[in-house]
Amino acid sequence: MTLNMRTELLKNIPFAQALELAALVDCEPGRVVSRTLAQQPAANVTLFSLAAGEGISAHTSPGDALVLVLEGRARVTIGDAAHDVGAGQAIAMPAGVPHALDAEEPFKMLLVVVKPQAA
């Protein structure tokens, strides 16, 4: 199948070229910046950037989530446990468990959420 004949499941990203994912989102003071790359019933893939001191407040997700740290450092709280993560690391968060993130320095991540299929 040629590139122009397929149905694109990914969006907001060019095809058939090497990319530096961290360069696709900029850190902006006072904002959490996101760029959705895929939003499907079974999975979401989103790039995020947070300026130092910014955060994502505690919430739950209907699916398991995987944070892949592209740049910077953050504290990720899952349930009652806090974890310091940095560039090159990943952390998994189980569905239904409250989690939060606080950027300790400019921070960029790729978030993958995998959701259960409806019966």
C-alpha atoms as a PDB file:
ATOM      1  CA  MET A   1       0.000   0.000   0.000  1.00  0.00           C
ATOM      2  CA  THR A   2       1.389   3.397  -0.885  1.00  0.00           C
ATOM      3  CA  LEU A   3       1.512   6.215   1.642  1.00  0.00           C
ATOM      4  CA  ASN A   4      -1.254   8.193  -0.046  1.00  0.00           C
ATOM      5  CA  MET A   5      -3.668   5.215  -0.135  1.00  0.00           C
ATOM      6  CA  ARG A   6      -3.739   4.314   3.548  1.00  0.00           C
ATOM      7  CA  THR A   7      -6.064   5.467   6.294  1.00  0.00           C
ATOM      8  CA  GLU A   8      -3.993   7.411   8.798  1.00  0.00           C
ATOM      9  CA  LEU A   9      -4.320   6.308  12.401  1.00  0.00           C
ATOM     10  CA  LEU A  10      -1.649   8.757  13.498  1.00  0.00           C
ATOM     11  CA  LYS A  11      -2.203  12.501  13.223  1.00  0.00           C
ATOM     12  CA  ASN A  12      -0.337  15.774  13.756  1.00  0.00           C
ATOM     13  CA  ILE A  13       2.935  14.163  12.722  1.00  0.00           C
ATOM     14  CA  PRO A  14       4.624  13.803   9.335  1.00  0.00           C
ATOM     15  CA  PHE A  15       5.010  10.338   7.847  1.00  0.00           C
ATOM     16  CA  ALA A  16       8.084   8.693   6.338  1.00  0.00           C
ATOM     17  CA  GLN A  17      10.714  10.885   7.971  1.00  0.00           C
ATOM     18  CA  ALA A  18      12.881  10.641  11.070  1.00  0.00           C
ATOM     19  CA  LEU A  19      11.683  12.942  13.860  1.00  0.00           C
ATOM     20  CA  GLU A  20      12.943  14.182  17.181  1.00  0.00           C
ATOM     21  CA  LEU A  21       9.754  13.828  19.216  1.00  0.00           C
ATOM     22  CA  ALA A  22      10.824  16.338  21.875  1.00  0.00           C
ATOM     23  CA  ALA A  23      11.132  19.030  19.196  1.00  0.00           C
ATOM     24  CA  LEU A  24       7.413  18.689  18.346  1.00  0.00           C
ATOM     25  CA  VAL A  25       6.273  20.377  21.604  1.00  0.00           C
ATOM     26  CA  ASP A  26       7.672  23.519  23.241  1.00  0.00           C
ATOM     27  CA  CYS A  27       7.739  24.289  26.950  1.00  0.00           C
ATOM     28  CA  GLU A  28       5.718  27.419  27.681  1.00  0.00           C
ATOM     29  CA  PRO A  29       5.646  29.060  31.128  1.00  0.00           C
ATOM     30  CA  GLY A  30       2.290  28.656  32.843  1.00  0.00           C
ATOM     31  CA  ARG A  31       1.036  26.017  30.401  1.00  0.00           C
ATOM     32  CA  VAL A  32       0.912  22.304  29.858  1.00  0.00           C
ATOM     33  CA  VAL A  33       1.345  21.864  26.095  1.00  0.00           C
ATOM     34  CA  SER A  34       0.078  18.726  24.369  1.00  0.00           C
ATOM     35  CA  ARG A  35       0.058  17.321  20.849  1.00  0.00           C
ATOM     36  CA  THR A  36      -2.174  14.314  20.198  1.00  0.00           C
ATOM     37  CA  LEU A  37      -0.578  11.777  17.853  1.00  0.00           C
ATOM     38  CA  ALA A  38      -3.294   9.096  18.049  1.00  0.00           C
ATOM     39  CA  GLN A  39      -6.726   8.954  19.620  1.00  0.00           C
ATOM     40  CA  GLN A  40      -8.451   5.620  19.134  1.00  0.00           C
ATOM     41  CA  PRO A  41     -10.948   3.606  21.210  1.00  0.00           C
ATOM     42  CA  ALA A  42      -8.187   1.280  22.456  1.00  0.00           C
ATOM     43  CA  ALA A  43      -5.233   3.681  22.749  1.00  0.00           C
ATOM     44  CA  ASN A  44      -4.147   7.311  22.898  1.00  0.00           C
ATOM     45  CA  VAL A  45      -0.653   8.631  22.176  1.00  0.00           C
ATOM     46  CA  THR A  46       0.143  12.212  23.205  1.00  0.00           C
ATOM     47  CA  LEU A  47       3.258  14.351  23.472  1.00  0.00           C
ATOM     48  CA  PHE A  48       3.375  16.707  26.469  1.00  0.00           C
ATOM     49  CA  SER A  49       5.683  19.486  27.594  1.00  0.00           C
ATOM     50  CA  LEU A  50       5.639  21.248  30.944  1.00  0.00           C
ATOM     51  CA  ALA A  51       7.734  24.182  32.100  1.00  0.00           C
ATOM     52  CA  ALA A  52       9.570  23.785  35.405  1.00  0.00           C
ATOM     53  CA  GLY A  53       7.103  24.040  38.267  1.00  0.00           C
ATOM     54  CA  GLU A  54       4.073  23.090  36.157  1.00  0.00           C
ATOM     55  CA  GLY A  55       2.123  19.916  36.800  1.00  0.00           C
ATOM     56  CA  ILE A  56      -0.779  17.656  35.996  1.00  0.00           C
ATOM     57  CA  SER A  57      -3.029  17.268  39.021  1.00  0.00           C
ATOM     58  CA  ALA A  58      -4.091  13.914  40.422  1.00  0.00           C
ATOM     59  CA  HIS A  59      -6.564  12.024  38.257  1.00  0.00           C
ATOM     60  CA  THR A  60      -7.363   8.465  37.179  1.00  0.00           C
ATOM     61  CA  SER A  61      -7.413   6.885  33.746  1.00  0.00           C
ATOM     62  CA  PRO A  62      -9.641   4.118  32.387  1.00  0.00           C
ATOM     63  CA  GLY A  63      -6.547   2.517  30.840  1.00  0.00           C
ATOM     64  CA  ASP A  64      -2.992   1.691  31.796  1.00  0.00           C
ATOM     65  CA  ALA A  65      -0.650   4.592  31.010  1.00  0.00           C
ATOM     66  CA  LEU A  66       3.032   4.591  30.079  1.00  0.00           C
ATOM     67  CA  VAL A  67       5.133   7.758  30.399  1.00  0.00           C
ATOM     68  CA  LEU A  68       8.293   7.807  28.254  1.00  0.00           C
ATOM     69  CA  VAL A  69      10.486  10.701  29.401  1.00  0.00           C
ATOM     70  CA  LEU A  70      12.072  12.541  26.467  1.00  0.00           C
ATOM     71  CA  GLU A  71      13.691  15.482  28.296  1.00  0.00           C
ATOM     72  CA  GLY A  72      13.969  16.840  31.816  1.00  0.00           C
ATOM     73  CA  ARG A  73      12.959  15.506  35.219  1.00  0.00           C
ATOM     74  CA  ALA A  74       9.634  15.145  36.978  1.00  0.00           C
ATOM     75  CA  ARG A  75       8.099  13.647  40.070  1.00  0.00           C
ATOM     76  CA  VAL A  76       5.335  11.186  39.226  1.00  0.00           C
ATOM     77  CA  THR A  77       3.034  10.217  42.072  1.00  0.00           C
ATOM     78  CA  ILE A  78       1.117   6.958  41.656  1.00  0.00           C
ATOM     79  CA  GLY A  79      -1.252   6.248  44.520  1.00  0.00           C
ATOM     80  CA  ASP A  80       0.769   7.167  47.623  1.00  0.00           C
ATOM     81  CA  ALA A  81       4.222   6.583  46.091  1.00  0.00           C
ATOM     82  CA  ALA A  82       6.359   9.319  44.486  1.00  0.00           C
ATOM     83  CA  HIS A  83       8.897   8.478  41.777  1.00  0.00           C
ATOM     84  CA  ASP A  84      11.566  10.740  40.291  1.00  0.00           C
ATOM     85  CA  VAL A  85      11.963  10.102  36.561  1.00  0.00           C
ATOM     86  CA  GLY A  86      14.332  11.585  33.996  1.00  0.00           C
ATOM     87  CA  ALA A  87      15.206  11.546  30.325  1.00  0.00           C
ATOM     88  CA  GLY A  88      15.494   8.042  28.927  1.00  0.00           C
ATOM     89  CA  GLN A  89      13.316   6.510  31.635  1.00  0.00           C
ATOM     90  CA  ALA A  90       9.737   5.252  31.582  1.00  0.00           C
ATOM     91  CA  ILE A  91       7.119   4.625  34.247  1.00  0.00           C
ATOM     92  CA  ALA A  92       3.834   2.718  34.006  1.00  0.00           C
ATOM     93  CA  MET A  93       0.665   3.791  35.807  1.00  0.00           C
ATOM     94  CA  PRO A  94      -2.157   1.274  36.306  1.00  0.00           C
ATOM     95  CA  ALA A  95      -5.729   2.056  35.284  1.00  0.00           C
ATOM     96  CA  GLY A  96      -7.960   3.388  38.043  1.00  0.00           C
ATOM     97  CA  VAL A  97      -5.118   4.433  40.370  1.00  0.00           C
ATOM     98  CA  PRO A  98      -4.758   8.187  40.989  1.00  0.00           C
ATOM     99  CA  HIS A  99      -1.591   9.667  39.532  1.00  0.00           C
ATOM    100  CA  ALA A 100      -0.074  13.142  39.157  1.00  0.00           C
ATOM    101  CA  LEU A 101       3.027  14.709  37.639  1.00  0.00           C
ATOM    102  CA  ASP A 102       5.141  17.715  38.691  1.00  0.00           C
ATOM    103  CA  ALA A 103       7.927  19.005  36.425  1.00  0.00           C
ATOM    104  CA  GLU A 104      11.100  19.674  38.398  1.00  0.00           C
ATOM    105  CA  GLU A 105      12.697  21.246  35.303  1.00  0.00           C
ATOM    106  CA  PRO A 106      11.498  21.758  31.713  1.00  0.00           C
ATOM    107  CA  PHE A 107       9.965  18.379  30.930  1.00  0.00           C
ATOM    108  CA  LYS A 108       8.783  16.541  27.816  1.00  0.00           C
ATOM    109  CA  MET A 109       7.157  13.131  27.624  1.00  0.00           C
ATOM    110  CA  LEU A 110       5.332  10.763  25.329  1.00  0.00           C
ATOM    111  CA  LEU A 111       2.223   9.374  27.016  1.00  0.00           C
ATOM    112  CA  VAL A 112       0.687   6.117  25.788  1.00  0.00           C
ATOM    113  CA  VAL A 113      -2.664   5.083  27.283  1.00  0.00           C
ATOM    114  CA  VAL A 114      -3.953   1.595  26.486  1.00  0.00           C
ATOM    115  CA  LYS A 115      -7.630   1.089  27.285  1.00  0.00           C
ATOM    116  CA  PRO A 116      -9.659  -2.111  27.642  1.00  0.00           C
ATOM    117  CA  GLN A 117     -11.852  -3.064  24.692  1.00  0.00           C
ATOM    118  CA  ALA A 118     -15.594  -2.861  25.199  1.00  0.00           C
ATOM    119  CA  ALA A 119     -17.235  -6.274  25.387  1.00  0.00           C
END
